[in-house]
Amino acid sequence: MHAGVQGLILGVLTGGVYALMASGQTLVFGIMKVVNLAQGALVILGAYLSYQLFTSYGIDPFLAIPVTTGVMFVLGVGVHLAFLRPLRREDRTELSLLVTFAVALLIEGVIGVVWNTTRRSINTSYANDSWTVLGYQVTVVRFAAFALSAGALALLILLLHRTRFGRAVRATVQNPESARLLGVRTERVAALGFGLGAATAAAAGSVYGLLYPFNAGSHYDLISLLLSIVVLGGLGSIGGAIAGALIVSVSSAVVASTISPAWSQMTFFVILLAVLLVRPQGLFGRAA
């Protein structure tokens, strides 16, 4: 029982970080109907940027997030303008999978050249600190990562539901043709949306580097996890991404702590298949 509750706590705290990663993935799909295979690489690039700011200038990874998100937002807009907008104009969005995978490989190559392939980690002075709450261990880093992720997700939801840009995004998601007829500049919305997805990846990458060691190839494991989360929650749904991330993280952590770590990696795939058999559109997705 104690091990199960400890696993539940760990799963919830980690799930917040996964939800922040997946929110950018599902946002890009909702706006552009593009499955962004570069999202994992953007997360790792964000981790490296945070690592560099910490090692070179002593900037705490949490304090570095405004810098990394700004840089990655500009990078995301640039990637859209250079590689994805031409596909949309020529109505060749089916090639977006290959293009975003190529972007992921390009980012991996740049990371390998700049930082080489050695595994890195961000070791702060509080990296091993923890609290004991009712007999259960809560690490400071994971709690802070969860709190930051929850705050960032709350800001993202407010942006989408309380701003003019958010209304334009939701209109584009629901019906791009009608949105254009109403004066929404859907190409501009798509570029800013991709930039926003990259910015969420940067924020998640900063805290990811505090939790796990990483190298240039770490994005391969991440993208499979993120795709599982957004498919489970429903493509295009921010709420679904949050629910899917929590389900994936909690189930894996509880199984690892109560049964065996060897089974934890397979757990969320079993849950994914079970849900899709009942709801092929995912938990919060809409049927076509």
C-alpha atoms as a PDB file:
ATOM      1  CA  MET A   1       0.000   0.000   0.000  1.00  0.00           C
ATOM      2  CA  HIS A   2       2.766   2.423   0.948  1.00  0.00           C
ATOM      3  CA  ALA A   3       4.665   1.681  -2.276  1.00  0.00           C
ATOM      4  CA  GLY A   4       1.498   2.186  -4.329  1.00  0.00           C
ATOM      5  CA  VAL A   5       0.773   5.607  -2.775  1.00  0.00           C
ATOM      6  CA  GLN A   6       4.413   6.640  -3.237  1.00  0.00           C
ATOM      7  CA  GLY A   7       4.162   5.612  -6.887  1.00  0.00           C
ATOM      8  CA  LEU A   8       0.918   7.597  -7.227  1.00  0.00           C
ATOM      9  CA  ILE A   9       2.599  10.739  -5.881  1.00  0.00           C
ATOM     10  CA  LEU A  10       5.560  10.281  -8.219  1.00  0.00           C
ATOM     11  CA  GLY A  11       3.251   9.661 -11.177  1.00  0.00           C
ATOM     12  CA  VAL A  12       1.172  12.781 -10.589  1.00  0.00           C
ATOM     13  CA  LEU A  13       4.225  15.022 -10.208  1.00  0.00           C
ATOM     14  CA  THR A  14       5.864  13.614 -13.343  1.00  0.00           C
ATOM     15  CA  GLY A  15       2.591  13.663 -15.252  1.00  0.00           C
ATOM     16  CA  GLY A  16       2.446  17.437 -15.025  1.00  0.00           C
ATOM     17  CA  VAL A  17       5.694  17.717 -16.978  1.00  0.00           C
ATOM     18  CA  TYR A  18       4.487  15.223 -19.590  1.00  0.00           C
ATOM     19  CA  ALA A  19       1.243  17.194 -19.922  1.00  0.00           C
ATOM     20  CA  LEU A  20       3.182  20.382 -20.662  1.00  0.00           C
ATOM     21  CA  MET A  21       5.196  18.584 -23.350  1.00  0.00           C
ATOM     22  CA  ALA A  22       2.091  17.039 -24.922  1.00  0.00           C
ATOM     23  CA  SER A  23       0.082  20.285 -24.856  1.00  0.00           C
ATOM     24  CA  GLY A  24       2.297  21.766 -27.562  1.00  0.00           C
ATOM     25  CA  GLN A  25       2.006  18.583 -29.610  1.00  0.00           C
ATOM     26  CA  THR A  26      -1.786  18.534 -29.482  1.00  0.00           C
ATOM     27  CA  LEU A  27      -2.042  22.306 -30.036  1.00  0.00           C
ATOM     28  CA  VAL A  28      -0.095  22.068 -33.299  1.00  0.00           C
ATOM     29  CA  PHE A  29      -2.285  19.197 -34.464  1.00  0.00           C
ATOM     30  CA  GLY A  30      -5.469  21.066 -33.577  1.00  0.00           C
ATOM     31  CA  ILE A  31      -4.459  24.169 -35.555  1.00  0.00           C
ATOM     32  CA  MET A  32      -2.616  22.640 -38.505  1.00  0.00           C
ATOM     33  CA  LYS A  33      -3.662  18.965 -38.511  1.00  0.00           C
ATOM     34  CA  VAL A  34       0.056  18.202 -38.425  1.00  0.00           C
ATOM     35  CA  VAL A  35       1.531  15.398 -36.305  1.00  0.00           C
ATOM     36  CA  ASN A  36       4.706  17.137 -35.164  1.00  0.00           C
ATOM     37  CA  LEU A  37       7.445  14.516 -34.892  1.00  0.00           C
ATOM     38  CA  ALA A  38       9.915  17.251 -33.925  1.00  0.00           C
ATOM     39  CA  GLN A  39       8.247  17.986 -30.566  1.00  0.00           C
ATOM     40  CA  GLY A  40      10.506  15.602 -28.648  1.00  0.00           C
ATOM     41  CA  ALA A  41      13.608  17.117 -30.250  1.00  0.00           C
ATOM     42  CA  LEU A  42      12.368  20.603 -29.319  1.00  0.00           C
ATOM     43  CA  VAL A  43      12.011  19.470 -25.704  1.00  0.00           C
ATOM     44  CA  ILE A  44      15.596  18.160 -25.681  1.00  0.00           C
ATOM     45  CA  LEU A  45      16.871  21.344 -27.332  1.00  0.00           C
ATOM     46  CA  GLY A  46      15.132  23.305 -24.580  1.00  0.00           C
ATOM     47  CA  ALA A  47      16.902  21.126 -22.007  1.00  0.00           C
ATOM     48  CA  TYR A  48      20.282  21.834 -23.620  1.00  0.00           C
ATOM     49  CA  LEU A  49      19.639  25.582 -23.721  1.00  0.00           C
ATOM     50  CA  SER A  50      18.757  25.518 -20.029  1.00  0.00           C
ATOM     51  CA  TYR A  51      21.838  23.387 -19.330  1.00  0.00           C
ATOM     52  CA  GLN A  52      24.077  25.884 -21.134  1.00  0.00           C
ATOM     53  CA  LEU A  53      22.642  28.861 -19.271  1.00  0.00           C
ATOM     54  CA  PHE A  54      23.139  27.037 -15.980  1.00  0.00           C
ATOM     55  CA  THR A  55      26.716  25.863 -16.600  1.00  0.00           C
ATOM     56  CA  SER A  56      27.958  29.041 -18.303  1.00  0.00           C
ATOM     57  CA  TYR A  57      26.135  31.766 -16.380  1.00  0.00           C
ATOM     58  CA  GLY A  58      24.806  30.038 -13.257  1.00  0.00           C
ATOM     59  CA  ILE A  59      21.172  30.804 -14.172  1.00  0.00           C
ATOM     60  CA  ASP A  60      18.757  28.462 -12.389  1.00  0.00           C
ATOM     61  CA  PRO A  61      16.776  26.332 -14.889  1.00  0.00           C
ATOM     62  CA  PHE A  62      13.459  27.669 -13.572  1.00  0.00           C
ATOM     63  CA  LEU A  63      14.652  31.261 -13.955  1.00  0.00           C
ATOM     64  CA  ALA A  64      15.981  30.470 -17.439  1.00  0.00           C
ATOM     65  CA  ILE A  65      12.539  29.482 -18.740  1.00  0.00           C
ATOM     66  CA  PRO A  66      11.555  32.991 -19.978  1.00  0.00           C
ATOM     67  CA  VAL A  67      14.760  33.067 -22.044  1.00  0.00           C
ATOM     68  CA  THR A  68      14.461  29.548 -23.453  1.00  0.00           C
ATOM     69  CA  THR A  69      10.759  29.883 -24.258  1.00  0.00           C
ATOM     70  CA  GLY A  70      11.381  33.161 -26.091  1.00  0.00           C
ATOM     71  CA  VAL A  71      14.193  31.671 -28.151  1.00  0.00           C
ATOM     72  CA  MET A  72      12.216  28.535 -28.953  1.00  0.00           C
ATOM     73  CA  PHE A  73       9.085  30.513 -29.855  1.00  0.00           C
ATOM     74  CA  VAL A  74      11.066  32.378 -32.507  1.00  0.00           C
ATOM     75  CA  LEU A  75      12.604  29.085 -33.677  1.00  0.00           C
ATOM     76  CA  GLY A  76       9.158  27.468 -33.929  1.00  0.00           C
ATOM     77  CA  VAL A  77       7.763  30.333 -36.005  1.00  0.00           C
ATOM     78  CA  GLY A  78      10.831  30.122 -38.244  1.00  0.00           C
ATOM     79  CA  VAL A  79      10.425  26.359 -38.728  1.00  0.00           C
ATOM     80  CA  HIS A  80       6.805  26.851 -39.734  1.00  0.00           C
ATOM     81  CA  LEU A  81       7.582  29.642 -42.196  1.00  0.00           C
ATOM     82  CA  ALA A  82      10.512  27.794 -43.762  1.00  0.00           C
ATOM     83  CA  PHE A  83       9.232  24.217 -43.920  1.00  0.00           C
ATOM     84  CA  LEU A  84       5.498  23.885 -43.184  1.00  0.00           C
ATOM     85  CA  ARG A  85       3.847  26.918 -44.751  1.00  0.00           C
ATOM     86  CA  PRO A  86       4.915  25.931 -48.301  1.00  0.00           C
ATOM     87  CA  LEU A  87       3.252  22.524 -47.767  1.00  0.00           C
ATOM     88  CA  ARG A  88      -0.002  24.179 -46.644  1.00  0.00           C
ATOM     89  CA  ARG A  89      -0.020  26.507 -49.625  1.00  0.00           C
ATOM     90  CA  GLU A  90       0.468  23.617 -52.042  1.00  0.00           C
ATOM     91  CA  ASP A  91      -2.035  21.445 -50.133  1.00  0.00           C
ATOM     92  CA  ARG A  92       0.641  18.829 -49.399  1.00  0.00           C
ATOM     93  CA  THR A  93       0.184  18.577 -45.633  1.00  0.00           C
ATOM     94  CA  GLU A  94       0.513  14.795 -45.879  1.00  0.00           C
ATOM     95  CA  LEU A  95       4.264  15.406 -46.254  1.00  0.00           C
ATOM     96  CA  SER A  96       4.389  17.153 -42.871  1.00  0.00           C
ATOM     97  CA  LEU A  97       5.325  13.900 -41.108  1.00  0.00           C
ATOM     98  CA  LEU A  98       8.476  13.607 -43.195  1.00  0.00           C
ATOM     99  CA  VAL A  99       9.261  17.306 -42.833  1.00  0.00           C
ATOM    100  CA  THR A 100       8.888  17.386 -39.039  1.00  0.00           C
ATOM    101  CA  PHE A 101      10.919  14.193 -38.733  1.00  0.00           C
ATOM    102  CA  ALA A 102      13.619  15.832 -40.854  1.00  0.00           C
ATOM    103  CA  VAL A 103      13.510  18.868 -38.532  1.00  0.00           C
ATOM    104  CA  ALA A 104      13.959  16.514 -35.559  1.00  0.00           C
ATOM    105  CA  LEU A 105      17.012  14.947 -37.218  1.00  0.00           C
ATOM    106  CA  LEU A 106      18.388  18.413 -38.005  1.00  0.00           C
ATOM    107  CA  ILE A 107      18.005  19.465 -34.364  1.00  0.00           C
ATOM    108  CA  GLU A 108      19.662  16.218 -33.247  1.00  0.00           C
ATOM    109  CA  GLY A 109      22.582  16.894 -35.574  1.00  0.00           C
ATOM    110  CA  VAL A 110      23.014  20.470 -34.340  1.00  0.00           C
ATOM    111  CA  ILE A 111      22.950  19.278 -30.722  1.00  0.00           C
ATOM    112  CA  GLY A 112      25.555  16.626 -31.539  1.00  0.00           C
ATOM    113  CA  VAL A 113      27.856  19.209 -33.111  1.00  0.00           C
ATOM    114  CA  VAL A 114      27.482  21.843 -30.386  1.00  0.00           C
ATOM    115  CA  TRP A 115      27.295  19.662 -27.265  1.00  0.00           C
ATOM    116  CA  ASN A 116      28.393  16.224 -28.649  1.00  0.00           C
ATOM    117  CA  THR A 117      26.529  13.044 -27.719  1.00  0.00           C
ATOM    118  CA  THR A 118      27.618  12.732 -24.086  1.00  0.00           C
ATOM    119  CA  ARG A 119      24.696  12.413 -21.667  1.00  0.00           C
ATOM    120  CA  ARG A 120      24.145  15.586 -19.670  1.00  0.00           C
ATOM    121  CA  SER A 121      22.181  16.486 -16.571  1.00  0.00           C
ATOM    122  CA  ILE A 122      21.419  19.704 -14.723  1.00  0.00           C
ATOM    123  CA  ASN A 123      22.625  19.288 -11.142  1.00  0.00           C
ATOM    124  CA  THR A 124      21.447  22.146  -8.971  1.00  0.00           C
ATOM    125  CA  SER A 125      22.156  22.578  -5.242  1.00  0.00           C
ATOM    126  CA  TYR A 126      18.632  21.371  -4.424  1.00  0.00           C
ATOM    127  CA  ALA A 127      18.631  18.416  -6.821  1.00  0.00           C
ATOM    128  CA  ASN A 128      18.596  15.819  -4.003  1.00  0.00           C
ATOM    129  CA  ASP A 129      16.446  17.715  -1.493  1.00  0.00           C
ATOM    130  CA  SER A 130      13.120  16.222  -0.461  1.00  0.00           C
ATOM    131  CA  TRP A 131      10.287  16.624   2.015  1.00  0.00           C
ATOM    132  CA  THR A 132       8.616  13.931   4.076  1.00  0.00           C
ATOM    133  CA  VAL A 133       4.824  14.347   4.108  1.00  0.00           C
ATOM    134  CA  LEU A 134       2.815  11.813   6.155  1.00  0.00           C
ATOM    135  CA  GLY A 135       5.616   9.316   5.680  1.00  0.00           C
ATOM    136  CA  TYR A 136       5.900   9.799   1.909  1.00  0.00           C
ATOM    137  CA  GLN A 137       8.853  11.339   0.080  1.00  0.00           C
ATOM    138  CA  VAL A 138       8.272  14.351  -2.168  1.00  0.00           C
ATOM    139  CA  THR A 139      11.368  15.621  -3.953  1.00  0.00           C
ATOM    140  CA  VAL A 140      11.728  19.389  -4.229  1.00  0.00           C
ATOM    141  CA  VAL A 141      12.639  19.256  -7.926  1.00  0.00           C
ATOM    142  CA  ARG A 142       9.619  17.173  -8.938  1.00  0.00           C
ATOM    143  CA  PHE A 143       7.226  19.294  -6.900  1.00  0.00           C
ATOM    144  CA  ALA A 144       8.621  22.505  -8.380  1.00  0.00           C
ATOM    145  CA  ALA A 145       8.481  20.979 -11.880  1.00  0.00           C
ATOM    146  CA  PHE A 146       4.840  19.998 -11.349  1.00  0.00           C
ATOM    147  CA  ALA A 147       3.947  23.461 -10.015  1.00  0.00           C
ATOM    148  CA  LEU A 148       5.644  25.180 -12.951  1.00  0.00           C
ATOM    149  CA  SER A 149       3.971  22.859 -15.453  1.00  0.00           C
ATOM    150  CA  ALA A 150       0.559  23.441 -13.871  1.00  0.00           C
ATOM    151  CA  GLY A 151       1.097  27.199 -13.987  1.00  0.00           C
ATOM    152  CA  ALA A 152       2.223  27.118 -17.615  1.00  0.00           C
ATOM    153  CA  LEU A 153      -0.764  24.975 -18.613  1.00  0.00           C
ATOM    154  CA  ALA A 154      -3.117  27.362 -16.794  1.00  0.00           C
ATOM    155  CA  LEU A 155      -1.614  30.306 -18.709  1.00  0.00           C
ATOM    156  CA  LEU A 156      -1.972  28.394 -21.985  1.00  0.00           C
ATOM    157  CA  ILE A 157      -5.636  27.631 -21.288  1.00  0.00           C
ATOM    158  CA  LEU A 158      -6.291  31.278 -20.357  1.00  0.00           C
ATOM    159  CA  LEU A 159      -4.565  32.366 -23.550  1.00  0.00           C
ATOM    160  CA  LEU A 160      -6.776  30.097 -25.642  1.00  0.00           C
ATOM    161  CA  HIS A 161     -10.046  31.039 -23.922  1.00  0.00           C
ATOM    162  CA  ARG A 162      -9.623  34.678 -22.834  1.00  0.00           C
ATOM    163  CA  THR A 163      -7.726  36.418 -25.640  1.00  0.00           C
ATOM    164  CA  ARG A 164      -8.373  37.472 -29.212  1.00  0.00           C
ATOM    165  CA  PHE A 165      -5.562  35.207 -30.396  1.00  0.00           C
ATOM    166  CA  GLY A 166      -7.113  32.304 -28.498  1.00  0.00           C
ATOM    167  CA  ARG A 167     -10.465  32.861 -30.178  1.00  0.00           C
ATOM    168  CA  ALA A 168      -8.712  32.898 -33.551  1.00  0.00           C
ATOM    169  CA  VAL A 169      -6.958  29.626 -32.663  1.00  0.00           C
ATOM    170  CA  ARG A 170     -10.199  27.942 -31.597  1.00  0.00           C
ATOM    171  CA  ALA A 171     -11.978  29.173 -34.709  1.00  0.00           C
ATOM    172  CA  THR A 172      -9.176  27.802 -36.879  1.00  0.00           C
ATOM    173  CA  VAL A 173      -9.348  24.454 -35.065  1.00  0.00           C
ATOM    174  CA  GLN A 174     -13.123  24.173 -35.453  1.00  0.00           C
ATOM    175  CA  ASN A 175     -13.463  25.312 -39.083  1.00  0.00           C
ATOM    176  CA  PRO A 176     -10.522  26.871 -40.984  1.00  0.00           C
ATOM    177  CA  GLU A 177     -12.617  27.882 -43.994  1.00  0.00           C
ATOM    178  CA  SER A 178     -15.216  29.695 -41.905  1.00  0.00           C
ATOM    179  CA  ALA A 179     -12.458  31.331 -39.870  1.00  0.00           C
ATOM    180  CA  ARG A 180     -10.898  32.712 -43.043  1.00  0.00           C
ATOM    181  CA  LEU A 181     -14.269  34.052 -44.205  1.00  0.00           C
ATOM    182  CA  LEU A 182     -14.586  35.864 -40.870  1.00  0.00           C
ATOM    183  CA  GLY A 183     -11.228  37.563 -41.353  1.00  0.00           C
ATOM    184  CA  VAL A 184      -8.976  35.268 -39.327  1.00  0.00           C
ATOM    185  CA  ARG A 185      -5.492  35.114 -40.818  1.00  0.00           C
ATOM    186  CA  THR A 186      -5.136  31.367 -40.494  1.00  0.00           C
ATOM    187  CA  GLU A 187      -1.568  31.242 -41.808  1.00  0.00           C
ATOM    188  CA  ARG A 188      -0.488  33.716 -39.148  1.00  0.00           C
ATOM    189  CA  VAL A 189      -2.374  31.744 -36.504  1.00  0.00           C
ATOM    190  CA  ALA A 190      -0.656  28.544 -37.659  1.00  0.00           C
ATOM    191  CA  ALA A 191       2.808  30.135 -37.453  1.00  0.00           C
ATOM    192  CA  LEU A 192       2.175  31.570 -33.986  1.00  0.00           C
ATOM    193  CA  GLY A 193       0.598  28.283 -32.886  1.00  0.00           C
ATOM    194  CA  PHE A 194       3.657  26.312 -33.941  1.00  0.00           C
ATOM    195  CA  GLY A 195       5.825  28.837 -32.129  1.00  0.00           C
ATOM    196  CA  LEU A 196       3.676  28.438 -29.031  1.00  0.00           C
ATOM    197  CA  GLY A 197       4.064  24.657 -29.260  1.00  0.00           C
ATOM    198  CA  ALA A 198       7.849  25.086 -29.400  1.00  0.00           C
ATOM    199  CA  ALA A 199       7.714  27.461 -26.416  1.00  0.00           C
ATOM    200  CA  THR A 200       5.869  24.866 -24.301  1.00  0.00           C
ATOM    201  CA  ALA A 201       8.507  22.334 -25.350  1.00  0.00           C
ATOM    202  CA  ALA A 202      11.226  24.713 -24.118  1.00  0.00           C
ATOM    203  CA  ALA A 203       9.542  25.171 -20.740  1.00  0.00           C
ATOM    204  CA  ALA A 204       9.103  21.415 -20.383  1.00  0.00           C
ATOM    205  CA  GLY A 205      12.690  20.818 -21.523  1.00  0.00           C
ATOM    206  CA  SER A 206      14.081  23.054 -18.785  1.00  0.00           C
ATOM    207  CA  VAL A 207      12.441  20.952 -16.078  1.00  0.00           C
ATOM    208  CA  TYR A 208      13.033  17.683 -17.951  1.00  0.00           C
ATOM    209  CA  GLY A 209      16.774  18.335 -17.706  1.00  0.00           C
ATOM    210  CA  LEU A 210      16.423  18.574 -13.923  1.00  0.00           C
ATOM    211  CA  LEU A 211      14.636  15.226 -13.696  1.00  0.00           C
ATOM    212  CA  TYR A 212      16.463  13.005 -16.192  1.00  0.00           C
ATOM    213  CA  PRO A 213      19.857  12.783 -17.931  1.00  0.00           C
ATOM    214  CA  PHE A 214      19.610  13.493 -21.659  1.00  0.00           C
ATOM    215  CA  ASN A 215      21.598  13.464 -24.868  1.00  0.00           C
ATOM    216  CA  ALA A 216      21.000  14.259 -28.538  1.00  0.00           C
ATOM    217  CA  GLY A 217      19.077  11.031 -29.157  1.00  0.00           C
ATOM    218  CA  SER A 218      16.735  11.280 -26.169  1.00  0.00           C
ATOM    219  CA  HIS A 219      13.959  12.672 -28.359  1.00  0.00           C
ATOM    220  CA  TYR A 220      13.237   9.235 -29.857  1.00  0.00           C
ATOM    221  CA  ASP A 221      11.911   7.933 -26.541  1.00  0.00           C
ATOM    222  CA  LEU A 222      10.077  11.179 -25.870  1.00  0.00           C
ATOM    223  CA  ILE A 223       8.197  11.365 -29.157  1.00  0.00           C
ATOM    224  CA  SER A 224       6.790   7.844 -28.783  1.00  0.00           C
ATOM    225  CA  LEU A 225       5.568   8.772 -25.309  1.00  0.00           C
ATOM    226  CA  LEU A 226       4.075  12.080 -26.449  1.00  0.00           C
ATOM    227  CA  LEU A 227       2.269  10.483 -29.386  1.00  0.00           C
ATOM    228  CA  SER A 228       0.798   7.888 -27.037  1.00  0.00           C
ATOM    229  CA  ILE A 229      -0.409  10.637 -24.689  1.00  0.00           C
ATOM    230  CA  VAL A 230      -2.083  12.788 -27.347  1.00  0.00           C
ATOM    231  CA  VAL A 231      -3.717   9.786 -29.043  1.00  0.00           C
ATOM    232  CA  LEU A 232      -4.984   8.543 -25.679  1.00  0.00           C
ATOM    233  CA  GLY A 233      -6.392  11.940 -24.727  1.00  0.00           C
ATOM    234  CA  GLY A 234      -7.692  12.797 -28.193  1.00  0.00           C
ATOM    235  CA  LEU A 235      -5.801  14.645 -30.918  1.00  0.00           C
ATOM    236  CA  GLY A 236      -6.303  18.388 -30.657  1.00  0.00           C
ATOM    237  CA  SER A 237      -7.564  18.428 -27.056  1.00  0.00           C
ATOM    238  CA  ILE A 238      -5.518  20.223 -24.372  1.00  0.00           C
ATOM    239  CA  GLY A 239      -7.671  18.669 -21.649  1.00  0.00           C
ATOM    240  CA  GLY A 240      -7.134  15.278 -23.254  1.00  0.00           C
ATOM    241  CA  ALA A 241      -3.365  15.816 -23.255  1.00  0.00           C
ATOM    242  CA  ILE A 242      -3.443  16.582 -19.521  1.00  0.00           C
ATOM    243  CA  ALA A 243      -5.629  13.560 -18.737  1.00  0.00           C
ATOM    244  CA  GLY A 244      -3.575  11.283 -20.985  1.00  0.00           C
ATOM    245  CA  ALA A 245      -0.304  12.423 -19.421  1.00  0.00           C
ATOM    246  CA  LEU A 246      -1.578  11.762 -15.905  1.00  0.00           C
ATOM    247  CA  ILE A 247      -2.936   8.332 -16.848  1.00  0.00           C
ATOM    248  CA  VAL A 248       0.311   7.339 -18.544  1.00  0.00           C
ATOM    249  CA  SER A 249       2.564   8.637 -15.783  1.00  0.00           C
ATOM    250  CA  VAL A 250       0.539   7.395 -12.813  1.00  0.00           C
ATOM    251  CA  SER A 251      -0.040   3.907 -14.243  1.00  0.00           C
ATOM    252  CA  SER A 252       3.646   3.464 -15.096  1.00  0.00           C
ATOM    253  CA  ALA A 253       4.833   4.714 -11.687  1.00  0.00           C
ATOM    254  CA  VAL A 254       2.357   2.604  -9.702  1.00  0.00           C
ATOM    255  CA  VAL A 255       3.188  -0.552 -11.659  1.00  0.00           C
ATOM    256  CA  ALA A 256       6.922   0.114 -11.271  1.00  0.00           C
ATOM    257  CA  SER A 257       6.622   0.596  -7.498  1.00  0.00           C
ATOM    258  CA  THR A 258       4.221  -2.264  -6.772  1.00  0.00           C
ATOM    259  CA  ILE A 259       5.010  -4.945  -9.364  1.00  0.00           C
ATOM    260  CA  SER A 260       8.217  -4.419 -11.333  1.00  0.00           C
ATOM    261  CA  PRO A 261       9.920  -1.592 -13.257  1.00  0.00           C
ATOM    262  CA  ALA A 262      10.248  -4.013 -16.166  1.00  0.00           C
ATOM    263  CA  TRP A 263       6.476  -3.842 -16.707  1.00  0.00           C
ATOM    264  CA  SER A 264       6.055  -0.100 -16.317  1.00  0.00           C
ATOM    265  CA  GLN A 265       7.054   0.847 -19.857  1.00  0.00           C
ATOM    266  CA  MET A 266       4.446  -1.481 -21.341  1.00  0.00           C
ATOM    267  CA  THR A 267       1.636  -0.381 -19.043  1.00  0.00           C
ATOM    268  CA  PHE A 268       0.582   2.768 -20.865  1.00  0.00           C
ATOM    269  CA  PHE A 269       0.552   0.977 -24.231  1.00  0.00           C
ATOM    270  CA  VAL A 270      -1.867  -1.575 -22.787  1.00  0.00           C
ATOM    271  CA  ILE A 271      -4.065   1.263 -21.489  1.00  0.00           C
ATOM    272  CA  LEU A 272      -3.832   3.044 -24.844  1.00  0.00           C
ATOM    273  CA  LEU A 273      -4.977  -0.036 -26.766  1.00  0.00           C
ATOM    274  CA  ALA A 274      -7.808  -0.684 -24.298  1.00  0.00           C
ATOM    275  CA  VAL A 275      -9.110   2.890 -24.577  1.00  0.00           C
ATOM    276  CA  LEU A 276      -8.861   2.976 -28.371  1.00  0.00           C
ATOM    277  CA  LEU A 277     -10.849  -0.246 -28.655  1.00  0.00           C
ATOM    278  CA  VAL A 278     -13.704   1.506 -26.858  1.00  0.00           C
ATOM    279  CA  ARG A 279     -13.164   5.087 -28.082  1.00  0.00           C
ATOM    280  CA  PRO A 280     -11.067   5.206 -31.265  1.00  0.00           C
ATOM    281  CA  GLN A 281     -11.057   9.027 -31.107  1.00  0.00           C
ATOM    282  CA  GLY A 282      -9.458   9.014 -27.640  1.00  0.00           C
ATOM    283  CA  LEU A 283     -10.871  10.132 -24.300  1.00  0.00           C
ATOM    284  CA  PHE A 284     -11.631  13.737 -25.273  1.00  0.00           C
ATOM    285  CA  GLY A 285     -11.428  13.521 -29.059  1.00  0.00           C
ATOM    286  CA  ARG A 286     -14.332  14.022 -31.401  1.00  0.00           C
ATOM    287  CA  ALA A 287     -15.437  11.351 -33.830  1.00  0.00           C
ATOM    288  CA  ALA A 288     -14.900  12.267 -37.462  1.00  0.00           C
END
